[in-house]
Amino acid sequence: MKNVDKDLINYIETNIFPSYEKNDSGHNLEHIKYVIERSMKFASTIKDINYNMVYVIASYHDIGHYIDRKNHEKISAEMLLEDKNLDEFFSKEEIKIMSEAVYDHRASMEGEPRSIYGKIVSTADRNTSIDSIIKRTYAYRIKHNPDDNIDHIIEDSKKHIIDKFGSNGYANEKVYFEDLDYKRFLKDISLLVSDDKKFRERYLCVNGLK
């Protein structure tokens, strides 16, 4: 992370990263590091971008997920805004922009992010692993509906994936940077859900249900 202040990295890794232990497996520290890496890649295409801001936005974007999944972007934005330790590294205006970017990152939000920083993290937050998506859909359903039979879980998971990543899905829009990995992912996952037998086999295998 050569473009990011070392003291800032130390603060985030020591004080912010541990909070991700409270999140589910789809929004844990592994996911955050993935989003940080992708955010830095997209940021490198923008002239005069503030890499410190990009790093903090990516680090904070899901921190409130364990508190309220449905409103986590709002909670995460508020947590960033209330972190007075960031005053050591940023101006009030920069902190406001970072908070707005966290709030705006969700793929299902209406409209576009308010700044280039929001567009960076929103694009970086797109998952490019089919197996990861399959695991997340199963984990969510087994947690909230543990008595459902596996056939219903698989069908409901497939419907969710189509609604999100299909040709008219909300995660198929508002990608603000050239992202070949995500394009490949969308193509591959569309092919998978079009074949009921292959989808079922992979779903069972990925989730250790065979």
N, C-alpha and C. Protein backbone atom coordinates (compact mmCIF):
# COMPACT_ATOMS: atom_id res chain seq x y z
N MET A 1 0.85 -1.19 0.00
CA MET A 1 0.00 0.00 0.00
C MET A 1 0.89 1.25 0.00
N LYS A 2 1.68 1.38 -1.04
CA LYS A 2 2.73 2.40 -1.08
C LYS A 2 2.18 3.83 -1.12
N ASN A 3 0.95 4.02 -1.57
CA ASN A 3 0.40 5.36 -1.69
C ASN A 3 -0.40 5.81 -0.47
N VAL A 4 -0.44 4.97 0.58
CA VAL A 4 -1.24 5.27 1.76
C VAL A 4 -0.34 5.53 2.96
N ASP A 5 -0.69 6.53 3.75
CA ASP A 5 0.06 6.89 4.94
C ASP A 5 0.21 5.69 5.88
N LYS A 6 1.43 5.38 6.30
CA LYS A 6 1.69 4.21 7.13
C LYS A 6 1.01 4.31 8.50
N ASP A 7 0.96 5.51 9.06
CA ASP A 7 0.29 5.68 10.35
C ASP A 7 -1.22 5.45 10.23
N LEU A 8 -1.77 5.86 9.09
CA LEU A 8 -3.19 5.63 8.85
C LEU A 8 -3.46 4.13 8.71
N ILE A 9 -2.62 3.43 7.98
CA ILE A 9 -2.77 1.98 7.84
C ILE A 9 -2.72 1.31 9.20
N ASN A 10 -1.77 1.72 10.03
CA ASN A 10 -1.64 1.14 11.37
C ASN A 10 -2.89 1.39 12.21
N TYR A 11 -3.44 2.60 12.12
CA TYR A 11 -4.66 2.91 12.88
C TYR A 11 -5.83 2.03 12.43
N ILE A 12 -6.02 1.93 11.12
CA ILE A 12 -7.14 1.15 10.58
C ILE A 12 -6.98 -0.33 10.92
N GLU A 13 -5.78 -0.86 10.73
CA GLU A 13 -5.57 -2.29 10.98
C GLU A 13 -5.72 -2.64 12.46
N THR A 14 -5.34 -1.71 13.33
CA THR A 14 -5.39 -1.96 14.78
C THR A 14 -6.78 -1.73 15.36
N ASN A 15 -7.48 -0.71 14.86
CA ASN A 15 -8.73 -0.29 15.51
C ASN A 15 -10.00 -0.56 14.72
N ILE A 16 -9.90 -0.71 13.42
CA ILE A 16 -11.09 -0.90 12.59
C ILE A 16 -11.24 -2.34 12.12
N PHE A 17 -10.17 -2.92 11.62
CA PHE A 17 -10.25 -4.29 11.10
C PHE A 17 -10.80 -5.31 12.10
N PRO A 18 -10.45 -5.24 13.40
CA PRO A 18 -10.99 -6.24 14.34
C PRO A 18 -12.51 -6.28 14.43
N SER A 19 -13.17 -5.16 14.11
CA SER A 19 -14.64 -5.11 14.17
C SER A 19 -15.28 -6.05 13.16
N TYR A 20 -14.55 -6.39 12.11
CA TYR A 20 -15.11 -7.25 11.07
C TYR A 20 -15.26 -8.71 11.51
N GLU A 21 -14.71 -9.04 12.66
CA GLU A 21 -14.93 -10.38 13.22
C GLU A 21 -16.39 -10.58 13.60
N LYS A 22 -17.12 -9.48 13.79
CA LYS A 22 -18.53 -9.54 14.17
C LYS A 22 -19.45 -9.77 12.98
N ASN A 23 -18.93 -9.56 11.78
CA ASN A 23 -19.75 -9.70 10.57
C ASN A 23 -19.83 -11.15 10.11
N ASP A 24 -20.78 -11.43 9.22
CA ASP A 24 -20.87 -12.76 8.64
C ASP A 24 -19.73 -12.98 7.65
N SER A 25 -19.61 -14.20 7.17
CA SER A 25 -18.47 -14.57 6.33
C SER A 25 -18.43 -13.82 5.01
N GLY A 26 -19.56 -13.33 4.55
CA GLY A 26 -19.59 -12.60 3.28
C GLY A 26 -19.16 -11.16 3.40
N HIS A 27 -19.05 -10.67 4.65
CA HIS A 27 -18.68 -9.27 4.86
C HIS A 27 -17.59 -9.17 5.91
N ASN A 28 -16.70 -10.15 5.90
CA ASN A 28 -15.64 -10.21 6.90
C ASN A 28 -14.39 -9.48 6.40
N LEU A 29 -13.29 -9.65 7.13
CA LEU A 29 -12.06 -8.93 6.79
C LEU A 29 -11.50 -9.36 5.44
N GLU A 30 -11.68 -10.60 5.08
CA GLU A 30 -11.23 -11.06 3.76
C GLU A 30 -11.91 -10.26 2.65
N HIS A 31 -13.22 -10.03 2.82
CA HIS A 31 -13.96 -9.23 1.83
C HIS A 31 -13.46 -7.79 1.82
N ILE A 32 -13.18 -7.22 2.99
CA ILE A 32 -12.72 -5.84 3.06
C ILE A 32 -11.39 -5.68 2.35
N LYS A 33 -10.48 -6.61 2.54
CA LYS A 33 -9.18 -6.53 1.88
C LYS A 33 -9.32 -6.67 0.37
N TYR A 34 -10.28 -7.49 -0.04
CA TYR A 34 -10.58 -7.63 -1.47
C TYR A 34 -11.07 -6.30 -2.05
N VAL A 35 -11.96 -5.62 -1.33
CA VAL A 35 -12.48 -4.34 -1.80
C VAL A 35 -11.40 -3.26 -1.79
N ILE A 36 -10.54 -3.28 -0.78
CA ILE A 36 -9.43 -2.32 -0.73
C ILE A 36 -8.54 -2.49 -1.95
N GLU A 37 -8.17 -3.72 -2.27
CA GLU A 37 -7.30 -3.99 -3.41
C GLU A 37 -7.92 -3.51 -4.72
N ARG A 38 -9.20 -3.81 -4.90
CA ARG A 38 -9.88 -3.38 -6.13
C ARG A 38 -10.06 -1.87 -6.16
N SER A 39 -10.34 -1.27 -5.02
CA SER A 39 -10.49 0.19 -4.95
C SER A 39 -9.20 0.89 -5.37
N MET A 40 -8.07 0.37 -4.90
CA MET A 40 -6.78 0.97 -5.25
C MET A 40 -6.52 0.84 -6.75
N LYS A 41 -6.92 -0.28 -7.33
CA LYS A 41 -6.73 -0.49 -8.76
C LYS A 41 -7.53 0.54 -9.56
N PHE A 42 -8.79 0.75 -9.20
CA PHE A 42 -9.61 1.73 -9.92
C PHE A 42 -9.14 3.15 -9.65
N ALA A 43 -8.71 3.41 -8.42
CA ALA A 43 -8.23 4.75 -8.06
C ALA A 43 -7.00 5.14 -8.88
N SER A 44 -6.19 4.16 -9.25
CA SER A 44 -4.96 4.45 -9.99
C SER A 44 -5.24 5.01 -11.38
N THR A 45 -6.48 4.92 -11.83
CA THR A 45 -6.84 5.45 -13.16
C THR A 45 -7.32 6.89 -13.09
N ILE A 46 -7.42 7.43 -11.86
CA ILE A 46 -7.94 8.78 -11.66
C ILE A 46 -6.81 9.73 -11.26
N LYS A 47 -6.67 10.81 -12.00
CA LYS A 47 -5.63 11.80 -11.71
C LYS A 47 -5.93 12.53 -10.40
N ASP A 48 -4.90 12.73 -9.59
CA ASP A 48 -4.99 13.49 -8.34
C ASP A 48 -5.96 12.89 -7.32
N ILE A 49 -6.16 11.60 -7.36
CA ILE A 49 -7.03 10.95 -6.38
C ILE A 49 -6.30 10.89 -5.03
N ASN A 50 -7.05 10.94 -3.95
CA ASN A 50 -6.48 10.85 -2.61
C ASN A 50 -6.55 9.39 -2.16
N TYR A 51 -5.41 8.70 -2.20
CA TYR A 51 -5.39 7.27 -1.87
C TYR A 51 -5.71 7.00 -0.41
N ASN A 52 -5.38 7.94 0.45
CA ASN A 52 -5.73 7.77 1.87
C ASN A 52 -7.25 7.71 2.05
N MET A 53 -7.96 8.56 1.32
CA MET A 53 -9.42 8.56 1.39
C MET A 53 -9.99 7.28 0.82
N VAL A 54 -9.45 6.83 -0.29
CA VAL A 54 -9.92 5.58 -0.92
C VAL A 54 -9.75 4.41 0.06
N TYR A 55 -8.61 4.36 0.71
CA TYR A 55 -8.30 3.29 1.66
C TYR A 55 -9.29 3.27 2.82
N VAL A 56 -9.56 4.43 3.38
CA VAL A 56 -10.48 4.51 4.53
C VAL A 56 -11.90 4.16 4.13
N ILE A 57 -12.35 4.63 2.99
CA ILE A 57 -13.71 4.32 2.53
C ILE A 57 -13.89 2.82 2.37
N ALA A 58 -12.94 2.18 1.71
CA ALA A 58 -13.03 0.73 1.52
C ALA A 58 -12.96 0.00 2.85
N SER A 59 -12.17 0.51 3.77
CA SER A 59 -12.01 -0.13 5.08
C SER A 59 -13.27 -0.03 5.93
N TYR A 60 -14.04 1.02 5.74
CA TYR A 60 -15.22 1.27 6.57
C TYR A 60 -16.53 0.79 5.95
N HIS A 61 -16.55 0.45 4.68
CA HIS A 61 -17.82 0.40 3.96
C HIS A 61 -18.82 -0.62 4.50
N ASP A 62 -18.36 -1.68 5.16
CA ASP A 62 -19.28 -2.69 5.70
C ASP A 62 -19.18 -2.83 7.22
N ILE A 63 -18.58 -1.89 7.89
CA ILE A 63 -18.29 -2.05 9.31
C ILE A 63 -19.55 -2.18 10.17
N GLY A 64 -20.66 -1.60 9.71
CA GLY A 64 -21.90 -1.67 10.48
C GLY A 64 -22.81 -2.82 10.10
N HIS A 65 -22.31 -3.74 9.31
CA HIS A 65 -23.16 -4.83 8.80
C HIS A 65 -23.72 -5.70 9.91
N TYR A 66 -22.94 -5.96 10.95
CA TYR A 66 -23.41 -6.82 12.04
C TYR A 66 -24.50 -6.16 12.87
N ILE A 67 -24.59 -4.85 12.80
CA ILE A 67 -25.60 -4.11 13.57
C ILE A 67 -26.95 -4.17 12.87
N ASP A 68 -26.96 -3.91 11.57
CA ASP A 68 -28.20 -3.92 10.80
C ASP A 68 -27.86 -4.11 9.33
N ARG A 69 -28.05 -5.33 8.83
CA ARG A 69 -27.68 -5.65 7.46
C ARG A 69 -28.39 -4.75 6.45
N LYS A 70 -29.69 -4.52 6.66
CA LYS A 70 -30.48 -3.78 5.69
C LYS A 70 -30.11 -2.30 5.62
N ASN A 71 -29.58 -1.77 6.70
CA ASN A 71 -29.22 -0.35 6.73
C ASN A 71 -27.74 -0.16 7.01
N HIS A 72 -26.95 -1.15 6.67
CA HIS A 72 -25.54 -1.11 7.07
C HIS A 72 -24.77 0.04 6.43
N GLU A 73 -25.16 0.45 5.22
CA GLU A 73 -24.43 1.55 4.58
C GLU A 73 -24.59 2.86 5.36
N LYS A 74 -25.78 3.09 5.90
CA LYS A 74 -26.05 4.29 6.70
C LYS A 74 -25.29 4.24 8.02
N ILE A 75 -25.33 3.09 8.68
CA ILE A 75 -24.65 2.92 9.96
C ILE A 75 -23.14 3.03 9.77
N SER A 76 -22.62 2.40 8.73
CA SER A 76 -21.18 2.45 8.46
C SER A 76 -20.73 3.89 8.19
N ALA A 77 -21.53 4.63 7.45
CA ALA A 77 -21.21 6.03 7.15
C ALA A 77 -21.18 6.87 8.42
N GLU A 78 -22.13 6.62 9.31
CA GLU A 78 -22.18 7.36 10.57
C GLU A 78 -20.99 7.02 11.46
N MET A 79 -20.59 5.75 11.46
CA MET A 79 -19.44 5.33 12.27
C MET A 79 -18.16 6.01 11.79
N LEU A 80 -18.01 6.12 10.48
CA LEU A 80 -16.84 6.83 9.94
C LEU A 80 -16.89 8.31 10.34
N LEU A 81 -18.05 8.91 10.18
CA LEU A 81 -18.21 10.34 10.48
C LEU A 81 -17.92 10.65 11.94
N GLU A 82 -18.23 9.71 12.82
CA GLU A 82 -18.07 9.93 14.27
C GLU A 82 -16.68 9.54 14.78
N ASP A 83 -15.84 9.01 13.92
CA ASP A 83 -14.49 8.59 14.34
C ASP A 83 -13.58 9.82 14.37
N LYS A 84 -13.42 10.39 15.55
CA LYS A 84 -12.63 11.61 15.71
C LYS A 84 -11.13 11.40 15.48
N ASN A 85 -10.69 10.15 15.53
CA ASN A 85 -9.29 9.88 15.27
C ASN A 85 -8.91 10.18 13.82
N LEU A 86 -9.89 10.19 12.94
CA LEU A 86 -9.62 10.50 11.54
C LEU A 86 -9.29 11.98 11.33
N ASP A 87 -9.61 12.81 12.33
CA ASP A 87 -9.29 14.24 12.23
C ASP A 87 -7.79 14.47 12.12
N GLU A 88 -7.02 13.51 12.59
CA GLU A 88 -5.56 13.62 12.53
C GLU A 88 -5.05 13.52 11.09
N PHE A 89 -5.84 12.89 10.24
CA PHE A 89 -5.39 12.61 8.88
C PHE A 89 -6.14 13.38 7.80
N PHE A 90 -7.37 13.86 8.12
CA PHE A 90 -8.23 14.44 7.09
C PHE A 90 -8.90 15.73 7.55
N SER A 91 -9.28 16.54 6.58
CA SER A 91 -10.07 17.73 6.86
C SER A 91 -11.53 17.33 7.06
N LYS A 92 -12.33 18.24 7.58
CA LYS A 92 -13.76 17.97 7.78
C LYS A 92 -14.45 17.67 6.45
N GLU A 93 -14.07 18.38 5.41
CA GLU A 93 -14.67 18.17 4.10
C GLU A 93 -14.32 16.79 3.55
N GLU A 94 -13.08 16.38 3.75
CA GLU A 94 -12.67 15.05 3.29
C GLU A 94 -13.41 13.95 4.04
N ILE A 95 -13.60 14.14 5.33
CA ILE A 95 -14.34 13.15 6.13
C ILE A 95 -15.79 13.08 5.67
N LYS A 96 -16.38 14.21 5.34
CA LYS A 96 -17.75 14.25 4.84
C LYS A 96 -17.86 13.49 3.52
N ILE A 97 -16.91 13.71 2.63
CA ILE A 97 -16.92 13.02 1.33
C ILE A 97 -16.77 11.51 1.53
N MET A 98 -15.90 11.10 2.44
CA MET A 98 -15.70 9.67 2.71
C MET A 98 -16.96 9.04 3.28
N SER A 99 -17.61 9.74 4.20
CA SER A 99 -18.85 9.23 4.79
C SER A 99 -19.93 9.07 3.73
N GLU A 100 -20.05 10.05 2.85
CA GLU A 100 -21.03 9.97 1.76
C GLU A 100 -20.72 8.81 0.82
N ALA A 101 -19.44 8.58 0.56
CA ALA A 101 -19.04 7.48 -0.33
C ALA A 101 -19.42 6.13 0.26
N VAL A 102 -19.22 5.98 1.57
CA VAL A 102 -19.63 4.74 2.25
C VAL A 102 -21.15 4.57 2.15
N TYR A 103 -21.87 5.64 2.40
CA TYR A 103 -23.34 5.60 2.33
C TYR A 103 -23.81 5.22 0.93
N ASP A 104 -23.09 5.67 -0.09
CA ASP A 104 -23.53 5.50 -1.48
C ASP A 104 -23.06 4.20 -2.14
N HIS A 105 -22.34 3.34 -1.42
CA HIS A 105 -21.66 2.23 -2.08
C HIS A 105 -22.56 1.08 -2.51
N ARG A 106 -23.76 0.98 -1.94
CA ARG A 106 -24.58 -0.21 -2.14
C ARG A 106 -25.12 -0.29 -3.58
N ALA A 107 -25.03 -1.45 -4.17
CA ALA A 107 -25.43 -1.63 -5.57
C ALA A 107 -26.91 -1.37 -5.79
N SER A 108 -27.72 -1.62 -4.75
CA SER A 108 -29.18 -1.48 -4.88
C SER A 108 -29.68 -0.06 -4.65
N MET A 109 -28.80 0.87 -4.34
CA MET A 109 -29.24 2.25 -4.07
C MET A 109 -29.78 2.90 -5.35
N GLU A 110 -30.68 3.84 -5.17
CA GLU A 110 -31.21 4.59 -6.31
C GLU A 110 -30.24 5.72 -6.64
N GLY A 111 -30.06 5.98 -7.92
CA GLY A 111 -29.18 7.06 -8.33
C GLY A 111 -27.72 6.67 -8.26
N GLU A 112 -26.86 7.63 -8.56
CA GLU A 112 -25.42 7.40 -8.58
C GLU A 112 -24.75 7.94 -7.32
N PRO A 113 -23.60 7.39 -6.95
CA PRO A 113 -22.82 7.95 -5.84
C PRO A 113 -22.51 9.42 -6.08
N ARG A 114 -22.38 10.17 -4.99
CA ARG A 114 -22.22 11.62 -5.09
C ARG A 114 -20.81 12.06 -5.51
N SER A 115 -19.84 11.19 -5.45
CA SER A 115 -18.47 11.57 -5.80
C SER A 115 -17.76 10.42 -6.48
N ILE A 116 -16.59 10.71 -7.02
CA ILE A 116 -15.77 9.66 -7.64
C ILE A 116 -15.37 8.61 -6.61
N TYR A 117 -15.27 9.02 -5.35
CA TYR A 117 -14.90 8.08 -4.29
C TYR A 117 -15.99 7.05 -4.06
N GLY A 118 -17.24 7.50 -4.13
CA GLY A 118 -18.36 6.57 -4.00
C GLY A 118 -18.42 5.62 -5.19
N LYS A 119 -18.08 6.12 -6.36
CA LYS A 119 -18.09 5.27 -7.56
C LYS A 119 -16.98 4.23 -7.49
N ILE A 120 -15.85 4.61 -6.92
CA ILE A 120 -14.74 3.66 -6.78
C ILE A 120 -15.14 2.50 -5.89
N VAL A 121 -15.62 2.78 -4.69
CA VAL A 121 -15.92 1.69 -3.75
C VAL A 121 -17.14 0.89 -4.19
N SER A 122 -18.10 1.54 -4.84
CA SER A 122 -19.27 0.83 -5.34
C SER A 122 -18.87 -0.20 -6.38
N THR A 123 -17.99 0.19 -7.29
CA THR A 123 -17.51 -0.74 -8.31
C THR A 123 -16.63 -1.83 -7.70
N ALA A 124 -15.76 -1.43 -6.78
CA ALA A 124 -14.84 -2.38 -6.15
C ALA A 124 -15.57 -3.42 -5.31
N ASP A 125 -16.75 -3.09 -4.83
CA ASP A 125 -17.52 -3.97 -3.94
C ASP A 125 -18.22 -5.09 -4.69
N ARG A 126 -18.13 -5.10 -6.01
CA ARG A 126 -18.77 -6.16 -6.79
C ARG A 126 -17.99 -7.46 -6.65
N ASN A 127 -18.69 -8.51 -6.26
CA ASN A 127 -18.04 -9.81 -6.08
C ASN A 127 -17.77 -10.47 -7.43
N THR A 128 -16.62 -11.05 -7.60
CA THR A 128 -16.28 -11.71 -8.85
C THR A 128 -16.06 -13.22 -8.67
N SER A 129 -16.49 -13.75 -7.53
CA SER A 129 -16.34 -15.19 -7.26
C SER A 129 -17.71 -15.85 -7.17
N ILE A 130 -18.00 -16.76 -8.09
CA ILE A 130 -19.28 -17.46 -8.07
C ILE A 130 -19.44 -18.28 -6.80
N ASP A 131 -18.39 -18.98 -6.40
CA ASP A 131 -18.48 -19.81 -5.20
C ASP A 131 -18.76 -18.97 -3.96
N SER A 132 -18.18 -17.79 -3.89
CA SER A 132 -18.43 -16.90 -2.76
C SER A 132 -19.89 -16.48 -2.71
N ILE A 133 -20.47 -16.16 -3.87
CA ILE A 133 -21.88 -15.78 -3.94
C ILE A 133 -22.76 -16.95 -3.51
N ILE A 134 -22.45 -18.14 -3.96
CA ILE A 134 -23.24 -19.32 -3.60
C ILE A 134 -23.18 -19.57 -2.09
N LYS A 135 -22.01 -19.42 -1.51
CA LYS A 135 -21.86 -19.61 -0.06
C LYS A 135 -22.66 -18.56 0.72
N ARG A 136 -22.65 -17.32 0.23
CA ARG A 136 -23.35 -16.25 0.93
C ARG A 136 -24.86 -16.45 0.86
N THR A 137 -25.36 -16.89 -0.29
CA THR A 137 -26.81 -17.09 -0.40
C THR A 137 -27.28 -18.22 0.51
N TYR A 138 -26.45 -19.26 0.61
CA TYR A 138 -26.80 -20.38 1.49
C TYR A 138 -26.74 -19.97 2.96
N ALA A 139 -25.66 -19.29 3.35
CA ALA A 139 -25.49 -18.89 4.74
C ALA A 139 -26.64 -18.00 5.21
N TYR A 140 -27.06 -17.09 4.33
CA TYR A 140 -28.16 -16.18 4.69
C TYR A 140 -29.46 -16.96 4.88
N ARG A 141 -29.75 -17.87 3.99
CA ARG A 141 -31.02 -18.60 4.05
C ARG A 141 -31.07 -19.60 5.19
N ILE A 142 -29.97 -20.26 5.46
CA ILE A 142 -29.96 -21.24 6.53
C ILE A 142 -30.02 -20.54 7.89
N LYS A 143 -29.54 -19.31 7.95
CA LYS A 143 -29.60 -18.54 9.20
C LYS A 143 -31.01 -18.05 9.46
N HIS A 144 -31.68 -17.55 8.43
CA HIS A 144 -32.99 -16.93 8.61
C HIS A 144 -34.15 -17.91 8.45
N ASN A 145 -33.94 -19.01 7.74
CA ASN A 145 -35.00 -20.01 7.56
C ASN A 145 -34.41 -21.41 7.72
N PRO A 146 -33.95 -21.75 8.92
CA PRO A 146 -33.24 -23.02 9.13
C PRO A 146 -34.08 -24.27 8.89
N ASP A 147 -35.40 -24.12 8.88
CA ASP A 147 -36.28 -25.29 8.70
C ASP A 147 -36.64 -25.55 7.24
N ASP A 148 -36.21 -24.66 6.35
CA ASP A 148 -36.51 -24.86 4.92
C ASP A 148 -35.79 -26.11 4.39
N ASN A 149 -36.44 -26.82 3.48
CA ASN A 149 -35.75 -27.97 2.88
C ASN A 149 -34.77 -27.49 1.82
N ILE A 150 -33.84 -28.32 1.48
CA ILE A 150 -32.74 -27.92 0.59
C ILE A 150 -33.23 -27.53 -0.80
N ASP A 151 -34.29 -28.17 -1.29
CA ASP A 151 -34.80 -27.83 -2.62
C ASP A 151 -35.30 -26.39 -2.65
N HIS A 152 -35.99 -25.99 -1.60
CA HIS A 152 -36.50 -24.62 -1.53
C HIS A 152 -35.37 -23.62 -1.39
N ILE A 153 -34.36 -23.97 -0.59
CA ILE A 153 -33.21 -23.09 -0.40
C ILE A 153 -32.47 -22.87 -1.71
N ILE A 154 -32.25 -23.94 -2.46
CA ILE A 154 -31.55 -23.84 -3.74
C ILE A 154 -32.34 -22.99 -4.73
N GLU A 155 -33.64 -23.21 -4.80
CA GLU A 155 -34.47 -22.46 -5.74
C GLU A 155 -34.53 -20.99 -5.37
N ASP A 156 -34.65 -20.71 -4.08
CA ASP A 156 -34.70 -19.32 -3.62
C ASP A 156 -33.36 -18.63 -3.84
N SER A 157 -32.28 -19.36 -3.64
CA SER A 157 -30.95 -18.80 -3.87
C SER A 157 -30.75 -18.47 -5.34
N LYS A 158 -31.19 -19.36 -6.20
CA LYS A 158 -31.06 -19.13 -7.65
C LYS A 158 -31.86 -17.89 -8.07
N LYS A 159 -33.06 -17.76 -7.54
CA LYS A 159 -33.91 -16.60 -7.85
C LYS A 159 -33.21 -15.30 -7.43
N HIS A 160 -32.62 -15.32 -6.23
CA HIS A 160 -31.91 -14.14 -5.74
C HIS A 160 -30.75 -13.78 -6.67
N ILE A 161 -30.00 -14.79 -7.09
CA ILE A 161 -28.85 -14.55 -7.97
C ILE A 161 -29.30 -13.97 -9.30
N ILE A 162 -30.39 -14.48 -9.86
CA ILE A 162 -30.91 -13.96 -11.12
C ILE A 162 -31.39 -12.52 -10.95
N ASP A 163 -32.11 -12.27 -9.85
CA ASP A 163 -32.61 -10.91 -9.58
C ASP A 163 -31.47 -9.91 -9.43
N LYS A 164 -30.35 -10.38 -8.87
CA LYS A 164 -29.23 -9.47 -8.62
C LYS A 164 -28.28 -9.38 -9.79
N PHE A 165 -27.93 -10.53 -10.40
CA PHE A 165 -26.86 -10.55 -11.40
C PHE A 165 -27.34 -10.85 -12.82
N GLY A 166 -28.64 -11.11 -13.00
CA GLY A 166 -29.17 -11.39 -14.32
C GLY A 166 -29.12 -10.17 -15.23
N SER A 167 -29.59 -10.33 -16.46
CA SER A 167 -29.49 -9.25 -17.45
C SER A 167 -30.20 -7.97 -17.00
N ASN A 168 -31.23 -8.12 -16.17
CA ASN A 168 -31.94 -6.95 -15.65
C ASN A 168 -31.68 -6.74 -14.16
N GLY A 169 -30.67 -7.41 -13.63
CA GLY A 169 -30.38 -7.33 -12.21
C GLY A 169 -29.79 -6.00 -11.79
N TYR A 170 -30.04 -5.63 -10.52
CA TYR A 170 -29.58 -4.32 -10.05
C TYR A 170 -28.05 -4.26 -9.90
N ALA A 171 -27.38 -5.40 -9.77
CA ALA A 171 -25.92 -5.41 -9.68
C ALA A 171 -25.26 -5.50 -11.05
N ASN A 172 -26.08 -5.46 -12.08
CA ASN A 172 -25.59 -5.51 -13.45
C ASN A 172 -25.47 -4.11 -14.04
N GLU A 173 -25.76 -3.13 -13.21
CA GLU A 173 -25.75 -1.74 -13.64
C GLU A 173 -24.80 -0.92 -12.76
N LYS A 174 -24.62 0.31 -13.10
CA LYS A 174 -23.87 1.27 -12.31
C LYS A 174 -22.46 0.79 -11.95
N VAL A 175 -21.77 0.25 -12.96
CA VAL A 175 -20.36 -0.08 -12.82
C VAL A 175 -19.59 1.06 -13.48
N TYR A 176 -18.78 1.75 -12.71
CA TYR A 176 -18.23 3.03 -13.18
C TYR A 176 -16.81 2.95 -13.73
N PHE A 177 -16.24 1.74 -13.74
CA PHE A 177 -14.90 1.55 -14.27
C PHE A 177 -14.87 0.31 -15.14
N GLU A 178 -13.93 0.25 -16.05
CA GLU A 178 -13.74 -0.95 -16.85
C GLU A 178 -13.32 -2.08 -15.91
N ASP A 179 -14.11 -3.15 -15.89
CA ASP A 179 -13.88 -4.23 -14.93
C ASP A 179 -14.08 -5.57 -15.63
N LEU A 180 -13.01 -6.06 -16.24
CA LEU A 180 -13.09 -7.30 -17.02
C LEU A 180 -13.42 -8.50 -16.14
N ASP A 181 -12.92 -8.50 -14.91
CA ASP A 181 -13.20 -9.61 -13.99
C ASP A 181 -14.70 -9.71 -13.71
N TYR A 182 -15.33 -8.56 -13.53
CA TYR A 182 -16.76 -8.56 -13.22
C TYR A 182 -17.59 -8.94 -14.45
N LYS A 183 -17.17 -8.50 -15.62
CA LYS A 183 -17.87 -8.88 -16.85
C LYS A 183 -17.82 -10.40 -17.05
N ARG A 184 -16.66 -10.97 -16.79
CA ARG A 184 -16.50 -12.42 -16.92
C ARG A 184 -17.37 -13.15 -15.90
N PHE A 185 -17.40 -12.62 -14.69
CA PHE A 185 -18.22 -13.20 -13.63
C PHE A 185 -19.70 -13.19 -14.01
N LEU A 186 -20.19 -12.07 -14.53
CA LEU A 186 -21.60 -11.97 -14.92
C LEU A 186 -21.96 -12.97 -16.00
N LYS A 187 -21.06 -13.14 -16.95
CA LYS A 187 -21.29 -14.11 -18.03
C LYS A 187 -21.33 -15.53 -17.47
N ASP A 188 -20.37 -15.86 -16.63
CA ASP A 188 -20.27 -17.22 -16.09
C ASP A 188 -21.43 -17.57 -15.16
N ILE A 189 -21.85 -16.62 -14.33
CA ILE A 189 -22.92 -16.93 -13.38
C ILE A 189 -24.26 -17.02 -14.10
N SER A 190 -24.42 -16.26 -15.18
CA SER A 190 -25.64 -16.37 -15.98
C SER A 190 -25.75 -17.73 -16.63
N LEU A 191 -24.63 -18.23 -17.13
CA LEU A 191 -24.62 -19.57 -17.73
C LEU A 191 -24.94 -20.64 -16.68
N LEU A 192 -24.42 -20.47 -15.48
CA LEU A 192 -24.63 -21.46 -14.43
C LEU A 192 -26.10 -21.53 -14.03
N VAL A 193 -26.74 -20.40 -13.79
CA VAL A 193 -28.13 -20.42 -13.33
C VAL A 193 -29.10 -20.83 -14.43
N SER A 194 -28.63 -20.84 -15.68
CA SER A 194 -29.50 -21.26 -16.78
C SER A 194 -29.60 -22.78 -16.88
N ASP A 195 -28.76 -23.47 -16.13
CA ASP A 195 -28.75 -24.94 -16.14
C ASP A 195 -29.07 -25.43 -14.73
N ASP A 196 -30.32 -25.85 -14.50
CA ASP A 196 -30.76 -26.24 -13.16
C ASP A 196 -29.91 -27.35 -12.56
N LYS A 197 -29.56 -28.34 -13.37
CA LYS A 197 -28.79 -29.47 -12.86
C LYS A 197 -27.39 -29.05 -12.42
N LYS A 198 -26.72 -28.27 -13.27
CA LYS A 198 -25.36 -27.83 -12.94
C LYS A 198 -25.36 -26.89 -11.74
N PHE A 199 -26.38 -26.04 -11.66
CA PHE A 199 -26.46 -25.11 -10.53
C PHE A 199 -26.65 -25.88 -9.23
N ARG A 200 -27.53 -26.86 -9.24
CA ARG A 200 -27.77 -27.66 -8.04
C ARG A 200 -26.51 -28.39 -7.60
N GLU A 201 -25.83 -29.01 -8.56
CA GLU A 201 -24.61 -29.76 -8.24
C GLU A 201 -23.54 -28.85 -7.63
N ARG A 202 -23.37 -27.70 -8.24
CA ARG A 202 -22.35 -26.78 -7.72
C ARG A 202 -22.75 -26.22 -6.37
N TYR A 203 -24.03 -25.93 -6.20
CA TYR A 203 -24.54 -25.39 -4.92
C TYR A 203 -24.27 -26.38 -3.79
N LEU A 204 -24.58 -27.64 -4.04
CA LEU A 204 -24.37 -28.67 -3.02
C LEU A 204 -22.89 -28.87 -2.73
N CYS A 205 -22.10 -28.87 -3.78
CA CYS A 205 -20.65 -29.09 -3.62
C CYS A 205 -19.98 -27.94 -2.87
N VAL A 206 -20.26 -26.71 -3.28
CA VAL A 206 -19.62 -25.53 -2.69
C VAL A 206 -19.96 -25.41 -1.20
N ASN A 207 -21.19 -25.77 -0.85
CA ASN A 207 -21.64 -25.63 0.54
C ASN A 207 -21.46 -26.92 1.36
N GLY A 208 -20.74 -27.89 0.80
CA GLY A 208 -20.44 -29.10 1.53
C GLY A 208 -21.66 -29.93 1.90
N LEU A 209 -22.64 -29.93 0.99
CA LEU A 209 -23.91 -30.61 1.28
C LEU A 209 -24.01 -31.96 0.57
N LYS A 210 -22.95 -32.37 -0.09
CA LYS A 210 -22.96 -33.66 -0.79
C LYS A 210 -22.44 -34.75 0.11
